[in-house]
């Protein structure tokens, strides 16, 4: 399920980004892509974070990612640091409505290496059924 959601969110984020519209939604879709990829990577290793009714808490997701993906050298620490920054930026600006084109271009470029790294990880680790 996480793979499907990540793929959908990333496709929609890139579409909105290329069409230069809906920066707030674009930012959220970029972030949701990252969330689903992290949770997919953790689930592959049977380390999926505990899910609260409204989703996995940020602190739990980040802790599990750092412990199980970075700690086992499956993900570079620099990529995990990008997640921390993406969360901080999104949390800081999500309610302010100040997502300009320059802002979303920065956010997209910040997220892209993490998304690519996570996609590579989950493809390499994905069990075949």
N, C-alpha and C. Protein backbone atom coordinates (compact mmCIF):
# COMPACT_ATOMS: atom_id res chain seq x y z
N UNK A 1 0.82 -1.19 0.00
CA UNK A 1 0.00 0.00 0.00
C UNK A 1 0.87 1.26 0.00
N UNK A 2 1.96 1.25 0.79
CA UNK A 2 2.83 2.42 0.82
C UNK A 2 3.45 2.68 -0.55
N UNK A 3 3.80 1.64 -1.26
CA UNK A 3 4.41 1.80 -2.59
C UNK A 3 3.43 2.50 -3.53
N UNK A 4 2.18 2.07 -3.51
CA UNK A 4 1.17 2.68 -4.38
C UNK A 4 0.93 4.14 -4.02
N UNK A 5 0.85 4.41 -2.73
CA UNK A 5 0.61 5.78 -2.29
C UNK A 5 1.80 6.68 -2.60
N UNK A 6 3.00 6.18 -2.41
CA UNK A 6 4.20 6.96 -2.72
C UNK A 6 4.25 7.29 -4.21
N UNK A 7 3.97 6.29 -5.02
CA UNK A 7 4.00 6.50 -6.47
C UNK A 7 2.95 7.53 -6.90
N UNK A 8 1.75 7.41 -6.36
CA UNK A 8 0.67 8.35 -6.69
C UNK A 8 1.03 9.77 -6.23
N UNK A 9 1.49 9.90 -5.00
CA UNK A 9 1.84 11.24 -4.48
C UNK A 9 2.96 11.87 -5.30
N UNK A 10 3.97 11.09 -5.64
CA UNK A 10 5.11 11.63 -6.38
C UNK A 10 4.69 12.04 -7.80
N UNK A 11 3.85 11.22 -8.43
CA UNK A 11 3.37 11.57 -9.77
C UNK A 11 2.57 12.87 -9.73
N UNK A 12 1.67 12.99 -8.75
CA UNK A 12 0.86 14.20 -8.63
C UNK A 12 1.72 15.42 -8.26
N UNK A 13 2.69 15.23 -7.38
CA UNK A 13 3.58 16.34 -7.00
C UNK A 13 4.34 16.85 -8.21
N UNK A 14 4.89 15.93 -9.00
CA UNK A 14 5.64 16.36 -10.19
C UNK A 14 4.73 17.02 -11.22
N UNK A 15 3.50 16.55 -11.31
CA UNK A 15 2.55 17.16 -12.24
C UNK A 15 2.23 18.59 -11.81
N UNK A 16 1.90 18.79 -10.56
CA UNK A 16 1.60 20.14 -10.06
C UNK A 16 2.82 21.04 -10.18
N UNK A 17 3.98 20.48 -9.89
CA UNK A 17 5.23 21.24 -9.97
C UNK A 17 5.47 21.69 -11.41
N UNK A 18 5.33 20.79 -12.36
CA UNK A 18 5.58 21.14 -13.77
C UNK A 18 4.53 22.11 -14.31
N UNK A 19 3.33 22.03 -13.78
CA UNK A 19 2.26 22.94 -14.20
C UNK A 19 2.29 24.27 -13.45
N UNK A 20 3.22 24.37 -12.49
CA UNK A 20 3.41 25.59 -11.70
C UNK A 20 2.11 26.04 -11.02
N UNK A 21 1.50 25.11 -10.32
CA UNK A 21 0.26 25.45 -9.62
C UNK A 21 0.14 24.71 -8.30
N UNK A 22 -0.71 25.22 -7.45
CA UNK A 22 -1.06 24.60 -6.16
C UNK A 22 0.18 24.26 -5.33
N UNK A 23 0.97 25.29 -5.02
CA UNK A 23 2.23 25.07 -4.29
C UNK A 23 2.01 24.40 -2.93
N UNK A 24 0.96 24.78 -2.23
CA UNK A 24 0.71 24.17 -0.92
C UNK A 24 0.44 22.68 -1.07
N UNK A 25 -0.41 22.31 -2.01
CA UNK A 25 -0.71 20.90 -2.25
C UNK A 25 0.54 20.17 -2.75
N UNK A 26 1.29 20.81 -3.61
CA UNK A 26 2.52 20.22 -4.12
C UNK A 26 3.48 19.90 -2.98
N UNK A 27 3.65 20.85 -2.06
CA UNK A 27 4.53 20.64 -0.92
C UNK A 27 4.05 19.43 -0.11
N UNK A 28 2.78 19.34 0.15
CA UNK A 28 2.25 18.21 0.92
C UNK A 28 2.44 16.90 0.18
N UNK A 29 2.24 16.88 -1.11
CA UNK A 29 2.41 15.65 -1.88
C UNK A 29 3.88 15.20 -1.89
N UNK A 30 4.78 16.15 -1.96
CA UNK A 30 6.21 15.82 -1.89
C UNK A 30 6.49 15.16 -0.54
N UNK A 31 6.00 15.77 0.53
CA UNK A 31 6.24 15.25 1.87
C UNK A 31 5.58 13.88 2.05
N UNK A 32 4.36 13.71 1.56
CA UNK A 32 3.67 12.42 1.68
C UNK A 32 4.42 11.33 0.92
N UNK A 33 5.03 11.69 -0.20
CA UNK A 33 5.85 10.73 -0.94
C UNK A 33 6.96 10.21 -0.05
N UNK A 34 7.65 11.13 0.59
CA UNK A 34 8.75 10.76 1.49
C UNK A 34 8.23 9.88 2.62
N UNK A 35 7.13 10.26 3.23
CA UNK A 35 6.58 9.49 4.35
C UNK A 35 6.28 8.05 3.94
N UNK A 36 5.62 7.89 2.82
CA UNK A 36 5.25 6.55 2.39
C UNK A 36 6.47 5.72 2.01
N UNK A 37 7.47 6.35 1.41
CA UNK A 37 8.69 5.61 1.07
C UNK A 37 9.43 5.17 2.34
N UNK A 38 9.50 6.04 3.34
CA UNK A 38 10.14 5.66 4.60
C UNK A 38 9.39 4.50 5.24
N UNK A 39 8.09 4.62 5.30
CA UNK A 39 7.30 3.56 5.93
C UNK A 39 7.37 2.26 5.13
N UNK A 40 7.46 2.35 3.81
CA UNK A 40 7.62 1.15 3.00
C UNK A 40 8.96 0.48 3.30
N UNK A 41 10.03 1.29 3.36
CA UNK A 41 11.35 0.75 3.65
C UNK A 41 11.38 0.10 5.03
N UNK A 42 10.76 0.73 6.00
CA UNK A 42 10.70 0.15 7.35
C UNK A 42 9.87 -1.13 7.36
N UNK A 43 8.76 -1.14 6.65
CA UNK A 43 7.89 -2.31 6.62
C UNK A 43 8.60 -3.51 6.00
N UNK A 44 9.40 -3.27 4.98
CA UNK A 44 10.15 -4.36 4.35
C UNK A 44 11.03 -5.06 5.37
N UNK A 45 11.54 -4.29 6.34
CA UNK A 45 12.41 -4.83 7.38
C UNK A 45 11.65 -5.15 8.66
N UNK A 46 10.31 -5.21 8.55
CA UNK A 46 9.44 -5.54 9.69
C UNK A 46 9.62 -4.57 10.84
N UNK A 47 9.83 -3.29 10.51
CA UNK A 47 10.04 -2.25 11.51
C UNK A 47 9.09 -1.08 11.32
N UNK A 48 7.92 -1.35 10.80
CA UNK A 48 6.96 -0.28 10.54
C UNK A 48 6.63 0.43 11.84
N UNK A 49 6.66 1.77 11.85
CA UNK A 49 6.34 2.52 13.08
C UNK A 49 4.90 2.27 13.53
N UNK A 50 4.68 2.44 14.82
CA UNK A 50 3.33 2.32 15.36
C UNK A 50 2.44 3.38 14.74
N UNK A 51 1.26 3.00 14.36
CA UNK A 51 0.36 3.93 13.69
C UNK A 51 -0.72 4.43 14.65
N UNK A 52 -0.75 5.73 14.82
CA UNK A 52 -1.82 6.37 15.58
C UNK A 52 -3.03 6.55 14.65
N UNK A 53 -4.22 6.89 15.19
CA UNK A 53 -5.39 7.06 14.32
C UNK A 53 -5.17 8.05 13.18
N UNK A 54 -4.35 9.10 13.41
CA UNK A 54 -4.14 10.09 12.36
C UNK A 54 -2.82 9.88 11.63
N UNK A 55 -2.21 8.72 11.80
CA UNK A 55 -0.96 8.45 11.11
C UNK A 55 0.20 8.27 12.07
N UNK A 56 1.32 7.97 11.51
CA UNK A 56 2.52 7.71 12.32
C UNK A 56 3.10 9.03 12.81
N UNK A 57 3.37 9.13 14.11
CA UNK A 57 3.97 10.37 14.62
C UNK A 57 5.35 10.60 14.02
N UNK A 58 5.66 11.85 13.74
CA UNK A 58 6.96 12.20 13.15
C UNK A 58 8.12 11.65 13.95
N UNK A 59 8.11 11.82 15.25
CA UNK A 59 9.23 11.40 16.08
C UNK A 59 9.45 9.90 15.99
N UNK A 60 8.39 9.13 15.96
CA UNK A 60 8.52 7.68 15.85
C UNK A 60 9.07 7.29 14.49
N UNK A 61 8.57 7.91 13.45
CA UNK A 61 9.02 7.61 12.09
C UNK A 61 10.50 7.94 11.95
N UNK A 62 10.89 9.12 12.43
CA UNK A 62 12.29 9.52 12.30
C UNK A 62 13.19 8.61 13.14
N UNK A 63 12.79 8.30 14.35
CA UNK A 63 13.58 7.43 15.20
C UNK A 63 13.77 6.05 14.55
N UNK A 64 12.70 5.49 14.05
CA UNK A 64 12.78 4.17 13.41
C UNK A 64 13.64 4.22 12.14
N UNK A 65 13.50 5.28 11.37
CA UNK A 65 14.31 5.42 10.16
C UNK A 65 15.78 5.48 10.52
N UNK A 66 16.11 6.30 11.50
CA UNK A 66 17.52 6.44 11.89
C UNK A 66 18.06 5.15 12.52
N UNK A 67 17.25 4.50 13.32
CA UNK A 67 17.69 3.28 13.98
C UNK A 67 17.85 2.12 12.99
N UNK A 68 16.85 1.90 12.15
CA UNK A 68 16.84 0.70 11.32
C UNK A 68 17.37 0.89 9.90
N UNK A 69 17.24 2.06 9.35
CA UNK A 69 17.73 2.27 7.99
C UNK A 69 19.12 2.87 8.00
N UNK A 70 19.32 3.92 8.78
CA UNK A 70 20.65 4.55 8.86
C UNK A 70 21.57 3.67 9.70
N UNK A 71 21.07 3.20 10.84
CA UNK A 71 21.88 2.39 11.74
C UNK A 71 22.40 1.11 11.11
N UNK A 72 21.64 0.57 10.19
CA UNK A 72 22.06 -0.66 9.50
C UNK A 72 22.71 -0.35 8.15
N UNK A 73 23.03 0.94 7.96
CA UNK A 73 23.72 1.41 6.77
C UNK A 73 22.96 1.11 5.47
N UNK A 74 21.65 1.14 5.56
CA UNK A 74 20.81 0.99 4.38
C UNK A 74 20.50 2.35 3.75
N UNK A 75 20.61 3.39 4.57
CA UNK A 75 20.33 4.76 4.13
C UNK A 75 21.41 5.66 4.71
N UNK A 76 21.90 6.57 3.90
CA UNK A 76 22.96 7.48 4.35
C UNK A 76 22.40 8.49 5.35
N UNK A 77 23.19 8.84 6.37
CA UNK A 77 22.72 9.81 7.38
C UNK A 77 22.33 11.15 6.76
N UNK A 78 23.02 11.55 5.71
CA UNK A 78 22.71 12.83 5.05
C UNK A 78 21.30 12.82 4.47
N UNK A 79 20.87 11.67 4.00
CA UNK A 79 19.50 11.57 3.46
C UNK A 79 18.48 11.65 4.59
N UNK A 80 18.78 11.03 5.71
CA UNK A 80 17.87 11.13 6.86
C UNK A 80 17.79 12.57 7.36
N UNK A 81 18.89 13.29 7.28
CA UNK A 81 18.89 14.70 7.67
C UNK A 81 17.96 15.52 6.78
N UNK A 82 17.86 15.13 5.52
CA UNK A 82 16.95 15.82 4.60
C UNK A 82 15.51 15.66 5.10
N UNK A 83 15.16 14.47 5.57
CA UNK A 83 13.82 14.26 6.10
C UNK A 83 13.53 15.23 7.24
N UNK A 84 14.49 15.35 8.15
CA UNK A 84 14.33 16.26 9.29
C UNK A 84 14.08 17.68 8.80
N UNK A 85 14.85 18.11 7.81
CA UNK A 85 14.67 19.47 7.28
C UNK A 85 13.34 19.62 6.55
N UNK A 86 12.95 18.62 5.76
CA UNK A 86 11.66 18.68 5.07
C UNK A 86 10.51 18.80 6.06
N UNK A 87 10.57 18.02 7.12
CA UNK A 87 9.52 18.08 8.14
C UNK A 87 9.49 19.46 8.79
N UNK A 88 10.66 19.95 9.15
CA UNK A 88 10.74 21.25 9.82
C UNK A 88 10.21 22.37 8.93
N UNK A 89 10.63 22.36 7.69
CA UNK A 89 10.19 23.41 6.75
C UNK A 89 8.69 23.30 6.53
N UNK A 90 8.19 22.09 6.31
CA UNK A 90 6.76 21.91 6.07
C UNK A 90 5.96 22.33 7.30
N UNK A 91 6.40 21.91 8.46
CA UNK A 91 5.70 22.24 9.70
C UNK A 91 5.70 23.74 9.96
N UNK A 92 6.81 24.38 9.69
CA UNK A 92 6.94 25.82 9.92
C UNK A 92 6.06 26.63 8.98
N UNK A 93 6.02 26.21 7.72
CA UNK A 93 5.35 27.03 6.72
C UNK A 93 3.98 26.51 6.29
N UNK A 94 3.59 25.34 6.73
CA UNK A 94 2.34 24.76 6.25
C UNK A 94 1.13 25.63 6.54
N UNK A 95 1.12 26.26 7.69
CA UNK A 95 -0.05 27.04 8.08
C UNK A 95 0.03 28.50 7.63
N UNK A 96 1.16 28.91 7.15
CA UNK A 96 1.36 30.32 6.83
C UNK A 96 0.92 30.72 5.42
N UNK A 97 0.76 29.73 4.54
CA UNK A 97 0.30 30.03 3.19
C UNK A 97 1.28 30.87 2.39
N UNK A 98 2.58 30.69 2.63
CA UNK A 98 3.56 31.51 1.91
C UNK A 98 4.35 30.71 0.88
N UNK A 99 3.77 29.63 0.42
CA UNK A 99 4.46 28.82 -0.57
C UNK A 99 4.46 29.54 -1.91
N UNK A 100 5.59 30.12 -2.24
CA UNK A 100 5.76 30.78 -3.53
C UNK A 100 6.41 29.78 -4.48
N UNK A 101 6.56 30.18 -5.72
CA UNK A 101 7.23 29.30 -6.68
C UNK A 101 8.67 29.04 -6.25
N UNK A 102 9.37 30.05 -5.78
CA UNK A 102 10.75 29.87 -5.33
C UNK A 102 10.80 28.90 -4.14
N UNK A 103 9.84 29.02 -3.23
CA UNK A 103 9.78 28.13 -2.08
C UNK A 103 9.60 26.69 -2.53
N UNK A 104 8.66 26.44 -3.42
CA UNK A 104 8.37 25.06 -3.83
C UNK A 104 9.51 24.50 -4.68
N UNK A 105 10.20 25.34 -5.43
CA UNK A 105 11.38 24.87 -6.18
C UNK A 105 12.46 24.42 -5.21
N UNK A 106 12.67 25.18 -4.14
CA UNK A 106 13.64 24.78 -3.12
C UNK A 106 13.21 23.48 -2.45
N UNK A 107 11.96 23.37 -2.11
CA UNK A 107 11.45 22.17 -1.42
C UNK A 107 11.58 20.94 -2.31
N UNK A 108 11.27 21.09 -3.58
CA UNK A 108 11.38 19.97 -4.53
C UNK A 108 12.84 19.53 -4.65
N UNK A 109 13.74 20.47 -4.80
CA UNK A 109 15.15 20.12 -4.95
C UNK A 109 15.73 19.54 -3.67
N UNK A 110 15.24 19.97 -2.54
CA UNK A 110 15.66 19.41 -1.27
C UNK A 110 15.20 17.96 -1.15
N UNK A 111 13.97 17.70 -1.54
CA UNK A 111 13.37 16.36 -1.39
C UNK A 111 13.87 15.35 -2.41
N UNK A 112 14.20 15.79 -3.59
CA UNK A 112 14.51 14.87 -4.68
C UNK A 112 15.59 13.83 -4.33
N UNK A 113 16.74 14.20 -3.74
CA UNK A 113 17.74 13.17 -3.42
C UNK A 113 17.25 12.14 -2.41
N UNK A 114 16.45 12.58 -1.45
CA UNK A 114 15.90 11.65 -0.46
C UNK A 114 14.92 10.69 -1.13
N UNK A 115 14.05 11.22 -1.96
CA UNK A 115 13.08 10.38 -2.66
C UNK A 115 13.80 9.36 -3.54
N UNK A 116 14.79 9.83 -4.28
CA UNK A 116 15.54 8.91 -5.15
C UNK A 116 16.28 7.86 -4.33
N UNK A 117 16.87 8.26 -3.21
CA UNK A 117 17.56 7.30 -2.35
C UNK A 117 16.62 6.27 -1.75
N UNK A 118 15.46 6.72 -1.32
CA UNK A 118 14.47 5.79 -0.76
C UNK A 118 13.90 4.87 -1.83
N UNK A 119 13.65 5.41 -3.02
CA UNK A 119 13.15 4.56 -4.11
C UNK A 119 14.17 3.47 -4.44
N UNK A 120 15.43 3.83 -4.49
CA UNK A 120 16.48 2.85 -4.76
C UNK A 120 16.51 1.79 -3.66
N UNK A 121 16.40 2.23 -2.42
CA UNK A 121 16.42 1.30 -1.29
C UNK A 121 15.26 0.33 -1.35
N UNK A 122 14.05 0.81 -1.55
CA UNK A 122 12.90 -0.09 -1.51
C UNK A 122 12.89 -1.02 -2.73
N UNK A 123 13.40 -0.57 -3.86
CA UNK A 123 13.47 -1.46 -5.02
C UNK A 123 14.48 -2.57 -4.78
N UNK A 124 15.60 -2.24 -4.16
CA UNK A 124 16.64 -3.24 -3.88
C UNK A 124 16.21 -4.21 -2.79
N UNK A 125 15.39 -3.76 -1.86
CA UNK A 125 15.01 -4.56 -0.70
C UNK A 125 13.66 -5.26 -0.86
N UNK A 126 12.91 -4.88 -1.86
CA UNK A 126 11.55 -5.38 -2.02
C UNK A 126 11.55 -6.90 -2.22
N UNK A 127 10.87 -7.63 -1.34
CA UNK A 127 10.81 -9.08 -1.51
C UNK A 127 9.94 -9.43 -2.72
N UNK A 128 10.31 -10.50 -3.37
CA UNK A 128 9.52 -10.98 -4.51
C UNK A 128 8.57 -12.07 -4.04
N UNK A 129 7.34 -11.96 -4.47
CA UNK A 129 6.32 -12.96 -4.08
C UNK A 129 5.96 -13.80 -5.26
